[in-house]
Amino acid sequence: MEGRGKEGRRQGDRVMRRRRTEGFEVPANIYKVSEDITVNEGSNMTLSCLASGRPDPAINWRLLNPSEFSSNA
């Protein structure tokens, strides 16, 4: 016969444990970001950022100073 205890739900001789995580928030942790990079005009570049947290962090890239990327021609 199945029984219940503080440790979780019993199934036969096995105890099933579940952890409730909804409702808990964990601050974002950024642990890998692209290093400074120099590219020629018209070339492509790839930026990377790895982060964790709950809810999953949204990663957005913005150009802080567009005048640094203007053509002097």
N, C-alpha and C. Protein backbone atom coordinates (compact mmCIF):
# COMPACT_ATOMS: atom_id res chain seq x y z
N MET A 1 0.85 -1.19 0.00
CA MET A 1 0.00 0.00 0.00
C MET A 1 0.89 1.25 0.00
N GLU A 2 0.50 2.21 -0.79
CA GLU A 2 1.29 3.44 -0.88
C GLU A 2 1.00 4.34 0.30
N GLY A 3 2.03 4.98 0.82
CA GLY A 3 1.86 5.92 1.92
C GLY A 3 2.55 7.22 1.60
N ARG A 4 2.27 8.22 2.39
CA ARG A 4 2.90 9.52 2.19
C ARG A 4 3.62 9.92 3.47
N GLY A 5 4.71 10.62 3.31
CA GLY A 5 5.46 11.11 4.46
C GLY A 5 6.02 12.48 4.15
N LYS A 6 6.75 13.05 5.07
CA LYS A 6 7.34 14.37 4.87
C LYS A 6 8.37 14.36 3.75
N GLU A 7 8.99 13.20 3.52
CA GLU A 7 10.07 13.14 2.55
C GLU A 7 9.59 13.13 1.11
N GLY A 8 8.32 12.92 0.85
CA GLY A 8 7.83 12.93 -0.52
C GLY A 8 6.77 11.86 -0.72
N ARG A 9 6.48 11.56 -1.96
CA ARG A 9 5.46 10.59 -2.31
C ARG A 9 6.11 9.22 -2.47
N ARG A 10 5.50 8.20 -1.91
CA ARG A 10 6.05 6.84 -2.01
C ARG A 10 5.42 6.10 -3.19
N GLN A 11 6.25 5.38 -3.90
CA GLN A 11 5.78 4.47 -4.93
C GLN A 11 6.47 3.14 -4.67
N GLY A 12 5.74 2.20 -4.13
CA GLY A 12 6.36 0.93 -3.78
C GLY A 12 7.40 1.17 -2.71
N ASP A 13 8.64 0.73 -2.98
CA ASP A 13 9.74 0.93 -2.04
C ASP A 13 10.55 2.18 -2.34
N ARG A 14 10.16 2.92 -3.37
CA ARG A 14 10.91 4.10 -3.79
C ARG A 14 10.26 5.38 -3.27
N VAL A 15 11.06 6.33 -2.87
CA VAL A 15 10.55 7.63 -2.44
C VAL A 15 10.79 8.62 -3.56
N MET A 16 9.74 9.27 -4.00
CA MET A 16 9.84 10.28 -5.06
C MET A 16 9.94 11.64 -4.40
N ARG A 17 11.01 12.37 -4.68
CA ARG A 17 11.17 13.71 -4.13
C ARG A 17 11.06 14.72 -5.24
N ARG A 18 10.38 15.77 -4.96
CA ARG A 18 10.26 16.87 -5.92
C ARG A 18 10.61 18.16 -5.23
N ARG A 19 11.27 19.00 -5.97
CA ARG A 19 11.63 20.31 -5.45
C ARG A 19 10.80 21.35 -6.18
N ARG A 20 10.13 22.18 -5.44
CA ARG A 20 9.36 23.26 -6.07
C ARG A 20 10.27 24.45 -6.24
N THR A 21 10.39 24.90 -7.48
CA THR A 21 11.27 26.04 -7.74
C THR A 21 10.51 27.24 -8.26
N GLU A 22 9.26 27.06 -8.67
CA GLU A 22 8.55 28.23 -9.17
C GLU A 22 8.33 29.22 -8.04
N GLY A 23 8.38 30.47 -8.37
CA GLY A 23 8.23 31.50 -7.36
C GLY A 23 9.55 31.97 -6.77
N PHE A 24 10.63 31.21 -6.98
CA PHE A 24 11.94 31.61 -6.50
C PHE A 24 12.68 32.34 -7.61
N GLU A 25 13.27 33.46 -7.28
CA GLU A 25 14.05 34.21 -8.27
C GLU A 25 15.52 34.14 -7.89
N VAL A 26 16.36 34.03 -8.92
CA VAL A 26 17.81 34.01 -8.73
C VAL A 26 18.37 35.14 -9.58
N PRO A 27 19.15 36.06 -9.01
CA PRO A 27 19.69 37.18 -9.80
C PRO A 27 20.53 36.68 -10.97
N ALA A 28 20.55 37.49 -12.02
CA ALA A 28 21.35 37.14 -13.21
C ALA A 28 22.83 37.09 -12.86
N ASN A 29 23.51 36.14 -13.44
CA ASN A 29 24.95 35.99 -13.27
C ASN A 29 25.56 35.90 -14.67
N ILE A 30 26.34 36.90 -15.05
CA ILE A 30 27.01 36.90 -16.35
C ILE A 30 28.38 36.29 -16.15
N TYR A 31 28.64 35.17 -16.82
CA TYR A 31 29.91 34.50 -16.58
C TYR A 31 30.80 34.36 -17.81
N LYS A 32 30.37 34.82 -18.96
CA LYS A 32 31.27 34.84 -20.12
C LYS A 32 30.76 35.89 -21.10
N VAL A 33 31.65 36.82 -21.45
CA VAL A 33 31.33 37.90 -22.40
C VAL A 33 32.45 37.98 -23.41
N SER A 34 32.09 38.34 -24.65
CA SER A 34 33.11 38.51 -25.69
C SER A 34 34.15 39.54 -25.25
N GLU A 35 35.38 39.31 -25.66
CA GLU A 35 36.44 40.29 -25.40
C GLU A 35 36.30 41.43 -26.40
N ASP A 36 37.06 42.53 -26.17
CA ASP A 36 37.06 43.65 -27.12
C ASP A 36 37.47 43.13 -28.49
N ILE A 37 36.84 43.69 -29.52
CA ILE A 37 37.11 43.22 -30.87
C ILE A 37 37.20 44.41 -31.81
N THR A 38 38.06 44.34 -32.79
CA THR A 38 38.18 45.37 -33.83
C THR A 38 37.88 44.70 -35.16
N VAL A 39 36.99 45.31 -35.94
CA VAL A 39 36.65 44.77 -37.26
C VAL A 39 36.72 45.88 -38.30
N ASN A 40 36.96 45.50 -39.52
CA ASN A 40 36.96 46.46 -40.63
C ASN A 40 35.53 46.77 -41.03
N GLU A 41 35.32 47.99 -41.51
CA GLU A 41 34.00 48.40 -41.97
C GLU A 41 33.49 47.42 -43.02
N GLY A 42 32.24 47.02 -42.87
CA GLY A 42 31.63 46.08 -43.80
C GLY A 42 31.82 44.62 -43.42
N SER A 43 32.68 44.38 -42.44
CA SER A 43 32.92 43.00 -41.99
C SER A 43 31.90 42.61 -40.92
N ASN A 44 31.75 41.32 -40.74
CA ASN A 44 30.86 40.80 -39.70
C ASN A 44 31.64 40.54 -38.43
N MET A 45 30.91 40.51 -37.32
CA MET A 45 31.51 40.11 -36.05
C MET A 45 30.47 39.34 -35.27
N THR A 46 30.93 38.55 -34.34
CA THR A 46 30.04 37.77 -33.49
C THR A 46 30.34 38.12 -32.04
N LEU A 47 29.30 38.46 -31.30
CA LEU A 47 29.43 38.75 -29.87
C LEU A 47 28.77 37.61 -29.11
N SER A 48 29.32 37.24 -27.97
CA SER A 48 28.70 36.19 -27.18
C SER A 48 28.61 36.61 -25.72
N CYS A 49 27.60 36.09 -25.06
CA CYS A 49 27.40 36.35 -23.64
C CYS A 49 26.67 35.15 -23.05
N LEU A 50 27.21 34.59 -22.00
CA LEU A 50 26.56 33.48 -21.31
C LEU A 50 26.15 33.96 -19.92
N ALA A 51 24.89 33.71 -19.59
CA ALA A 51 24.36 34.16 -18.30
C ALA A 51 23.37 33.13 -17.77
N SER A 52 23.20 33.14 -16.47
CA SER A 52 22.21 32.27 -15.84
C SER A 52 21.39 33.09 -14.87
N GLY A 53 20.27 32.56 -14.46
CA GLY A 53 19.40 33.22 -13.51
C GLY A 53 17.99 32.69 -13.65
N ARG A 54 17.11 33.11 -12.76
CA ARG A 54 15.72 32.70 -12.84
C ARG A 54 14.87 33.90 -12.52
N PRO A 55 14.04 34.35 -13.40
CA PRO A 55 13.81 33.80 -14.74
C PRO A 55 15.05 33.96 -15.62
N ASP A 56 15.10 33.21 -16.73
CA ASP A 56 16.23 33.30 -17.65
C ASP A 56 16.47 34.75 -18.04
N PRO A 57 17.71 35.23 -17.93
CA PRO A 57 18.00 36.62 -18.29
C PRO A 57 17.86 36.85 -19.80
N ALA A 58 17.39 38.03 -20.16
CA ALA A 58 17.35 38.45 -21.57
C ALA A 58 18.63 39.22 -21.84
N ILE A 59 19.31 38.89 -22.93
CA ILE A 59 20.58 39.54 -23.27
C ILE A 59 20.34 40.43 -24.47
N ASN A 60 20.64 41.72 -24.31
CA ASN A 60 20.47 42.70 -25.39
C ASN A 60 21.79 43.43 -25.60
N TRP A 61 22.10 43.70 -26.85
CA TRP A 61 23.31 44.44 -27.20
C TRP A 61 22.90 45.82 -27.69
N ARG A 62 23.63 46.85 -27.26
CA ARG A 62 23.37 48.22 -27.71
C ARG A 62 24.68 48.89 -28.06
N LEU A 63 24.62 49.76 -29.04
CA LEU A 63 25.78 50.57 -29.43
C LEU A 63 25.74 51.82 -28.56
N LEU A 64 26.71 51.98 -27.69
CA LEU A 64 26.70 53.09 -26.74
C LEU A 64 27.11 54.41 -27.35
N ASN A 65 28.04 54.41 -28.31
CA ASN A 65 28.52 55.65 -28.89
C ASN A 65 28.61 55.51 -30.41
N PRO A 66 27.49 55.74 -31.11
CA PRO A 66 27.48 55.56 -32.57
C PRO A 66 28.51 56.42 -33.30
N SER A 67 28.90 57.57 -32.73
CA SER A 67 29.85 58.45 -33.42
C SER A 67 31.22 57.78 -33.58
N GLU A 68 31.56 56.83 -32.72
CA GLU A 68 32.83 56.12 -32.86
C GLU A 68 32.86 55.24 -34.10
N PHE A 69 31.69 54.98 -34.68
CA PHE A 69 31.61 54.08 -35.81
C PHE A 69 31.26 54.81 -37.09
N SER A 70 31.34 56.14 -37.08
CA SER A 70 31.04 56.94 -38.27
C SER A 70 32.21 56.90 -39.22
N SER A 71 31.91 57.04 -40.50
CA SER A 71 32.95 57.09 -41.51
C SER A 71 33.53 58.50 -41.56
N ASN A 72 34.83 58.62 -41.68
CA ASN A 72 35.49 59.93 -41.77
C ASN A 72 35.75 60.32 -43.22
N ALA A 73 35.15 59.64 -44.16
CA ALA A 73 35.40 59.91 -45.58
C ALA A 73 34.73 61.17 -46.04
